[in-house]
Protein backbone atom coordinates (compact mmCIF):
# COMPACT_ATOMS: atom_id res chain seq x y z
CA VAL A 1 50.17 -144.07 -207.36
CA GLY A 2 48.79 -147.35 -206.20
CA THR A 3 50.80 -149.06 -203.69
CA LEU A 4 55.01 -148.91 -203.79
CA ASP A 5 56.01 -150.90 -201.48
CA ILE A 6 60.00 -151.02 -200.13
CA ARG A 7 61.26 -153.56 -198.67
CA GLY A 8 63.70 -152.73 -196.79
CA SER A 9 64.63 -149.12 -195.19
CA LEU A 10 64.63 -145.60 -196.34
CA ILE A 11 68.02 -144.04 -195.72
CA GLY A 12 69.37 -140.28 -196.05
CA GLY A 13 72.18 -139.22 -197.35
CA ALA A 14 75.23 -136.34 -196.96
CA VAL A 15 73.65 -134.16 -199.18
CA ASP A 16 71.22 -131.34 -197.81
CA ASN A 17 67.87 -130.33 -199.14
CA VAL A 18 67.69 -127.17 -198.66
CA SER A 19 63.45 -126.74 -198.78
CA ASN A 20 61.67 -128.22 -196.05
CA ILE A 21 59.44 -130.51 -197.54
CA PRO A 22 60.87 -131.94 -200.45
CA THR A 23 61.09 -130.53 -204.39
CA THR A 24 63.59 -133.45 -205.73
CA THR A 25 64.66 -135.97 -204.19
CA GLN A 26 68.38 -136.29 -203.17
CA GLY A 27 69.25 -137.37 -199.66
CA GLY A 28 66.98 -140.68 -200.03
CA GLN A 29 63.56 -139.53 -200.08
CA ILE A 30 60.00 -140.19 -201.77
CA GLU A 31 58.02 -137.27 -203.40
CA ILE A 32 54.13 -138.64 -204.35
CA LEU A 33 52.46 -135.15 -205.71
CA GLY A 34 49.46 -136.72 -205.93
CA ASN A 35 47.76 -139.79 -204.36
CA VAL A 36 48.56 -143.24 -202.77
CA SER A 37 46.34 -145.77 -201.87
CA LYS A 38 49.14 -148.21 -200.00
CA LEU A 39 52.82 -146.92 -198.88
CA ASN A 40 55.03 -149.61 -197.48
CA ILE A 41 58.48 -149.29 -195.83
CA SER A 42 59.12 -152.31 -194.36
CA GLY A 43 62.40 -151.32 -192.59
CA ASN A 44 63.13 -148.05 -190.67
CA VAL A 45 63.10 -144.35 -191.90
CA VAL A 46 67.01 -143.08 -190.81
CA ALA A 47 68.14 -139.22 -190.89
CA GLY A 48 71.48 -139.28 -192.89
CA GLN A 49 74.99 -137.33 -192.81
CA GLY A 50 72.87 -134.21 -195.39
CA ASP A 51 69.98 -131.80 -194.02
CA ASN A 52 66.56 -132.95 -194.00
CA THR A 53 67.41 -135.49 -195.43
CA ALA A 54 64.72 -139.41 -196.06
CA ILE A 55 61.82 -137.94 -196.34
CA VAL A 56 58.32 -138.92 -197.17
CA ALA A 57 55.93 -136.31 -198.65
CA ILE A 58 52.71 -136.71 -199.91
CA GLY A 59 51.14 -134.03 -201.64
CA GLY A 60 46.97 -135.49 -201.73
CA ASP A 61 45.70 -137.94 -199.71
CA ALA A 62 46.56 -141.56 -198.71
CA LYS A 63 44.89 -144.16 -197.54
CA THR A 64 47.65 -146.48 -195.43
CA ILE A 65 51.06 -146.07 -194.88
CA THR A 66 53.08 -148.80 -193.21
CA ILE A 67 56.15 -148.04 -191.58
CA GLY A 68 57.50 -151.53 -190.84
CA GLY A 69 60.84 -149.70 -187.95
CA SER A 70 61.11 -146.65 -186.92
CA LEU A 71 61.53 -143.08 -187.40
CA ILE A 72 65.31 -142.49 -186.06
CA GLY A 73 66.49 -138.63 -186.77
CA GLY A 74 70.10 -137.62 -187.00
CA SER A 75 72.36 -136.55 -184.61
CA HIS A 76 73.94 -132.53 -184.09
CA ALA A 77 77.20 -133.92 -184.17
CA GLY A 78 75.99 -135.60 -187.83
CA GLY A 79 74.26 -132.61 -188.88
CA SER A 80 70.71 -133.96 -190.25
CA THR A 81 68.04 -131.28 -189.50
CA GLY A 82 64.81 -131.90 -190.36
CA GLY A 83 65.56 -135.71 -191.36
CA ALA A 84 63.20 -139.02 -191.34
CA ARG A 85 59.99 -136.93 -191.54
CA ILE A 86 57.09 -137.59 -193.19
CA PHE A 87 54.41 -135.45 -194.28
CA VAL A 88 50.30 -135.94 -195.92
CA ASN A 89 49.16 -132.32 -197.03
CA GLY A 90 46.14 -134.20 -197.40
CA VAL A 91 43.53 -136.25 -196.04
CA LEU A 92 45.33 -139.84 -194.60
CA ALA A 93 43.32 -143.17 -193.42
CA SER A 94 46.01 -144.65 -191.14
CA ILE A 95 49.88 -144.37 -190.93
CA THR A 96 51.38 -147.14 -188.58
CA VAL A 97 55.00 -147.00 -186.94
CA SER A 98 55.81 -150.16 -186.10
CA GLY A 99 58.63 -148.88 -184.36
CA SER A 100 59.49 -145.55 -181.95
CA LEU A 101 59.92 -142.26 -182.92
CA LEU A 102 62.90 -141.44 -182.00
CA GLY A 103 64.19 -137.66 -182.64
CA ASP A 104 67.36 -135.87 -182.36
CA ALA A 105 68.27 -132.82 -183.91
CA GLN A 106 65.96 -130.28 -184.80
CA ASP A 107 62.49 -131.27 -186.60
CA SER A 108 63.75 -135.50 -186.95
CA ALA A 109 61.05 -138.35 -186.29
CA ARG A 110 58.38 -136.02 -187.14
CA ILE A 111 54.96 -136.91 -188.72
CA VAL A 112 53.22 -133.63 -189.77
CA LEU A 113 49.98 -134.02 -191.32
CA GLY A 114 47.95 -131.69 -192.88
CA THR A 115 44.51 -132.17 -192.87
CA ASP A 116 41.88 -134.63 -191.09
CA HIS A 117 42.95 -137.77 -190.90
CA GLY A 118 41.79 -141.80 -189.43
CA SER A 119 44.31 -143.85 -187.80
CA VAL A 120 47.71 -142.63 -186.45
CA ARG A 121 49.09 -146.00 -184.44
CA ILE A 122 52.96 -146.01 -183.27
CA ASN A 123 53.17 -148.94 -181.19
CA GLY A 124 56.75 -147.74 -179.92
CA ASP A 125 58.21 -145.01 -178.09
CA ILE A 126 57.26 -141.24 -178.87
CA VAL A 127 61.30 -139.42 -177.79
CA GLY A 128 62.12 -136.18 -178.05
CA GLY A 129 66.33 -134.53 -178.35
CA ASN A 130 68.20 -132.13 -178.37
CA GLY A 131 67.04 -130.45 -181.65
CA ASP A 132 63.29 -128.21 -181.73
CA ARG A 133 60.62 -130.04 -182.50
CA SER A 134 62.22 -133.88 -182.45
CA GLY A 135 60.23 -136.07 -181.73
CA THR A 136 56.85 -135.43 -182.50
CA ILE A 137 53.32 -136.04 -184.07
CA ASP A 138 51.35 -132.46 -185.58
CA SER A 139 47.96 -132.95 -186.22
CA PRO A 140 45.99 -129.76 -186.94
CA GLY A 141 43.09 -131.63 -188.43
CA MET A 142 40.92 -134.25 -186.84
CA THR A 143 42.00 -136.79 -185.68
CA LYS A 144 39.66 -140.14 -184.84
CA SER A 145 42.00 -142.43 -183.33
CA LEU A 146 45.80 -142.26 -181.84
CA PHE A 147 47.32 -144.94 -180.64
CA ILE A 148 50.84 -144.70 -178.86
CA GLY A 149 52.34 -148.02 -177.24
CA GLY A 150 55.23 -146.57 -175.44
CA SER A 151 56.12 -143.78 -173.54
CA ILE A 152 56.68 -139.88 -174.31
CA ARG A 153 59.64 -138.49 -173.52
CA GLY A 154 60.37 -135.09 -173.99
CA GLY A 155 64.36 -134.59 -174.82
CA ALA A 156 66.23 -130.94 -174.27
CA GLY A 157 64.64 -129.17 -177.70
CA LEU A 158 61.46 -127.20 -177.30
CA GLY A 159 58.39 -129.08 -178.32
CA SER A 160 60.32 -132.32 -178.20
CA GLY A 161 58.94 -135.66 -177.67
CA SER A 162 55.70 -134.37 -178.35
CA VAL A 163 51.92 -134.87 -179.56
CA ASP A 164 49.76 -131.54 -180.91
CA VAL A 165 46.61 -132.85 -181.50
CA ASN A 166 44.42 -129.51 -182.46
CA ASP A 167 40.54 -131.48 -183.11
CA ALA A 168 40.34 -135.69 -181.63
CA THR A 169 36.74 -136.89 -182.10
CA GLY A 170 37.66 -140.84 -181.33
CA LYS A 171 40.09 -142.82 -179.56
CA LEU A 172 43.23 -141.66 -178.04
CA ALA A 173 44.86 -144.68 -175.69
CA ILE A 174 48.87 -144.63 -174.45
CA PHE A 175 50.30 -147.20 -172.81
CA VAL A 176 53.16 -146.31 -171.01
CA ARG A 177 55.35 -149.00 -170.66
């Protein structure tokens, strides 16, 4: 895929997607099995009432991912375990979230990167919630640069409000407001 441009928000629905990594497009999801050059979402990525909704899954490499707003996870009251997530299984050149990662339910508001990547930039906060691993960045590969423009705050959930970088070789910057 060359460029995919969504000039609004990606909003999850009420239908559950039963797999952890989506294989169907239920509940406001984007799945690209191969590579993508540019993915732009002008607004927010917002979990819906269903579990595993509002998910972006890229099976290959991605050059640039830009989210104009925030990743907003659902609440336990409304379901939405695992909502508002971005997966990149291949190499990622850069990802920018202009807003924040706002987790609440388990595995919500997460960025999960599979291999080495370049720049990861969150201009706002990373906030965990009641659910385990909510509001997180997980990076088992090499990270060339990481920028967090706000605070990192954990919640009641295990590992919530966290950044897990396995191998950093460049600049890491966190600016606390």
